[in-house]
Amino acid sequence: MSIDPRAALSSLTAALEEHLVAASARRGEEDPIVEATFLGIIDAFEAYEEALFDAFDEVTPLVIYGEDEGDFDEEDDEDSDDEDDAAESESADQQ
């Protein structure tokens, strides 16, 4: 059973507003309320994205960054560096 995209969007907006309130009242570097509202945004966004896709076969241009994606980005950077090194080596060989 899919969720209505408008209801999911409303939940996402509410999650963002809750996070803003929590962030403005932060009590320390690792405030558990800020952390909970942060995770609430992720859950609400994923529900909205799924509802949007189910209803309209559409997605947003937004991505949730986390630990898994961070590891992937580092691998991409390493691959890119390897390609740069190979191109520099090839250029030096041609001279």
C-alpha atoms as a PDB file:
ATOM      1  CA  MET A   1       0.000   0.000   0.000  1.00  0.00           C
ATOM      2  CA  SER A   2       1.576   3.242  -1.098  1.00  0.00           C
ATOM      3  CA  ILE A   3       1.346   6.573   0.681  1.00  0.00           C
ATOM      4  CA  ASP A   4      -0.184   9.626  -0.961  1.00  0.00           C
ATOM      5  CA  PRO A   5       2.715  11.795  -2.203  1.00  0.00           C
ATOM      6  CA  ARG A   6       1.087  14.942  -0.795  1.00  0.00           C
ATOM      7  CA  ALA A   7       0.848  13.394   2.664  1.00  0.00           C
ATOM      8  CA  ALA A   8       4.466  12.223   2.415  1.00  0.00           C
ATOM      9  CA  LEU A   9       5.543  15.717   1.356  1.00  0.00           C
ATOM     10  CA  SER A  10       3.694  17.183   4.315  1.00  0.00           C
ATOM     11  CA  SER A  11       5.519  14.761   6.630  1.00  0.00           C
ATOM     12  CA  LEU A  12       8.857  15.731   5.072  1.00  0.00           C
ATOM     13  CA  THR A  13       8.126  19.424   5.553  1.00  0.00           C
ATOM     14  CA  ALA A  14       7.161  18.788   9.177  1.00  0.00           C
ATOM     15  CA  ALA A  15      10.378  16.803   9.722  1.00  0.00           C
ATOM     16  CA  LEU A  16      12.445  19.687   8.339  1.00  0.00           C
ATOM     17  CA  GLU A  17      10.640  22.153  10.602  1.00  0.00           C
ATOM     18  CA  GLU A  18      11.198  19.908  13.637  1.00  0.00           C
ATOM     19  CA  HIS A  19      14.897  19.723  12.815  1.00  0.00           C
ATOM     20  CA  LEU A  20      15.110  23.511  12.553  1.00  0.00           C
ATOM     21  CA  VAL A  21      13.527  23.902  15.991  1.00  0.00           C
ATOM     22  CA  ALA A  22      15.851  21.272  17.483  1.00  0.00           C
ATOM     23  CA  ALA A  23      18.935  22.783  15.846  1.00  0.00           C
ATOM     24  CA  SER A  24      18.077  26.259  17.101  1.00  0.00           C
ATOM     25  CA  ALA A  25      17.781  24.896  20.656  1.00  0.00           C
ATOM     26  CA  ARG A  26      20.832  22.604  20.428  1.00  0.00           C
ATOM     27  CA  ARG A  27      22.354  21.613  23.751  1.00  0.00           C
ATOM     28  CA  GLY A  28      25.852  20.512  22.964  1.00  0.00           C
ATOM     29  CA  GLU A  29      27.700  18.981  20.059  1.00  0.00           C
ATOM     30  CA  GLU A  30      25.847  15.637  20.112  1.00  0.00           C
ATOM     31  CA  ASP A  31      22.339  16.683  21.128  1.00  0.00           C
ATOM     32  CA  PRO A  32      20.145  13.559  20.926  1.00  0.00           C
ATOM     33  CA  ILE A  33      17.096  15.611  19.903  1.00  0.00           C
ATOM     34  CA  VAL A  34      18.958  17.089  16.937  1.00  0.00           C
ATOM     35  CA  GLU A  35      20.173  13.613  16.002  1.00  0.00           C
ATOM     36  CA  ALA A  36      16.633  12.206  16.215  1.00  0.00           C
ATOM     37  CA  THR A  37      15.195  14.955  14.048  1.00  0.00           C
ATOM     38  CA  PHE A  38      18.076  14.504  11.580  1.00  0.00           C
ATOM     39  CA  LEU A  39      17.159  10.840  11.240  1.00  0.00           C
ATOM     40  CA  GLY A  40      13.493  11.839  10.997  1.00  0.00           C
ATOM     41  CA  ILE A  41      14.309  13.896   7.907  1.00  0.00           C
ATOM     42  CA  ILE A  42      15.945  10.858   6.315  1.00  0.00           C
ATOM     43  CA  ASP A  43      12.941   8.643   7.032  1.00  0.00           C
ATOM     44  CA  ALA A  44      10.452  11.247   5.804  1.00  0.00           C
ATOM     45  CA  PHE A  45      12.470  11.912   2.661  1.00  0.00           C
ATOM     46  CA  GLU A  46      12.696   8.226   1.811  1.00  0.00           C
ATOM     47  CA  ALA A  47       8.924   7.847   2.302  1.00  0.00           C
ATOM     48  CA  TYR A  48       8.290  10.860   0.066  1.00  0.00           C
ATOM     49  CA  GLU A  49      10.659   9.613  -2.620  1.00  0.00           C
ATOM     50  CA  GLU A  50       8.985   6.197  -2.601  1.00  0.00           C
ATOM     51  CA  ALA A  51       5.481   7.693  -2.709  1.00  0.00           C
ATOM     52  CA  LEU A  52       6.478  10.004  -5.553  1.00  0.00           C
ATOM     53  CA  PHE A  53       7.931   7.121  -7.518  1.00  0.00           C
ATOM     54  CA  ASP A  54       4.952   4.833  -6.868  1.00  0.00           C
ATOM     55  CA  ALA A  55       2.438   7.478  -7.911  1.00  0.00           C
ATOM     56  CA  PHE A  56       4.213   9.181 -10.797  1.00  0.00           C
ATOM     57  CA  ASP A  57       7.307   7.120 -11.640  1.00  0.00           C
ATOM     58  CA  GLU A  58       9.331  10.200 -10.664  1.00  0.00           C
ATOM     59  CA  VAL A  59      12.191  10.977  -8.257  1.00  0.00           C
ATOM     60  CA  THR A  60      13.743  14.111  -6.790  1.00  0.00           C
ATOM     61  CA  PRO A  61      17.236  15.408  -7.598  1.00  0.00           C
ATOM     62  CA  LEU A  62      18.181  15.004  -3.918  1.00  0.00           C
ATOM     63  CA  VAL A  63      20.481  12.420  -2.365  1.00  0.00           C
ATOM     64  CA  ILE A  64      20.908  11.434   1.272  1.00  0.00           C
ATOM     65  CA  TYR A  65      24.580  11.325   2.226  1.00  0.00           C
ATOM     66  CA  GLY A  66      25.724   8.911   4.900  1.00  0.00           C
ATOM     67  CA  GLU A  67      28.569   6.650   5.848  1.00  0.00           C
ATOM     68  CA  ASP A  68      28.024   4.231   2.955  1.00  0.00           C
ATOM     69  CA  GLU A  69      27.930   6.989   0.353  1.00  0.00           C
ATOM     70  CA  GLY A  70      31.033   8.594   1.889  1.00  0.00           C
ATOM     71  CA  ASP A  71      32.984   5.377   1.380  1.00  0.00           C
ATOM     72  CA  PHE A  72      31.776   5.235  -2.230  1.00  0.00           C
ATOM     73  CA  ASP A  73      32.867   8.818  -2.874  1.00  0.00           C
ATOM     74  CA  GLU A  74      36.365   8.089  -1.575  1.00  0.00           C
ATOM     75  CA  GLU A  75      36.632   5.147  -3.975  1.00  0.00           C
ATOM     76  CA  ASP A  76      35.513   7.366  -6.844  1.00  0.00           C
ATOM     77  CA  ASP A  77      38.144   9.934  -5.879  1.00  0.00           C
ATOM     78  CA  GLU A  78      40.824   7.240  -5.858  1.00  0.00           C
ATOM     79  CA  ASP A  79      39.710   5.976  -9.275  1.00  0.00           C
ATOM     80  CA  SER A  80      39.733   9.526 -10.592  1.00  0.00           C
ATOM     81  CA  ASP A  81      43.234  10.071  -9.191  1.00  0.00           C
ATOM     82  CA  ASP A  82      44.401   6.859 -10.893  1.00  0.00           C
ATOM     83  CA  GLU A  83      42.966   8.075 -14.202  1.00  0.00           C
ATOM     84  CA  ASP A  84      44.687  11.453 -13.749  1.00  0.00           C
ATOM     85  CA  ASP A  85      47.991   9.715 -12.993  1.00  0.00           C
ATOM     86  CA  ALA A  86      47.656   7.517 -16.087  1.00  0.00           C
ATOM     87  CA  ALA A  87      46.886  10.533 -18.283  1.00  0.00           C
ATOM     88  CA  GLU A  88      49.882  12.431 -16.890  1.00  0.00           C
ATOM     89  CA  SER A  89      52.143   9.422 -17.469  1.00  0.00           C
ATOM     90  CA  GLU A  90      50.900   9.039 -21.042  1.00  0.00           C
ATOM     91  CA  SER A  91      51.436  12.738 -21.688  1.00  0.00           C
ATOM     92  CA  ALA A  92      54.993  12.561 -20.336  1.00  0.00           C
ATOM     93  CA  ASP A  93      55.724   9.491 -22.514  1.00  0.00           C
ATOM     94  CA  GLN A  94      54.649  11.373 -25.634  1.00  0.00           C
ATOM     95  CA  GLN A  95      57.065  14.265 -24.951  1.00  0.00           C
END
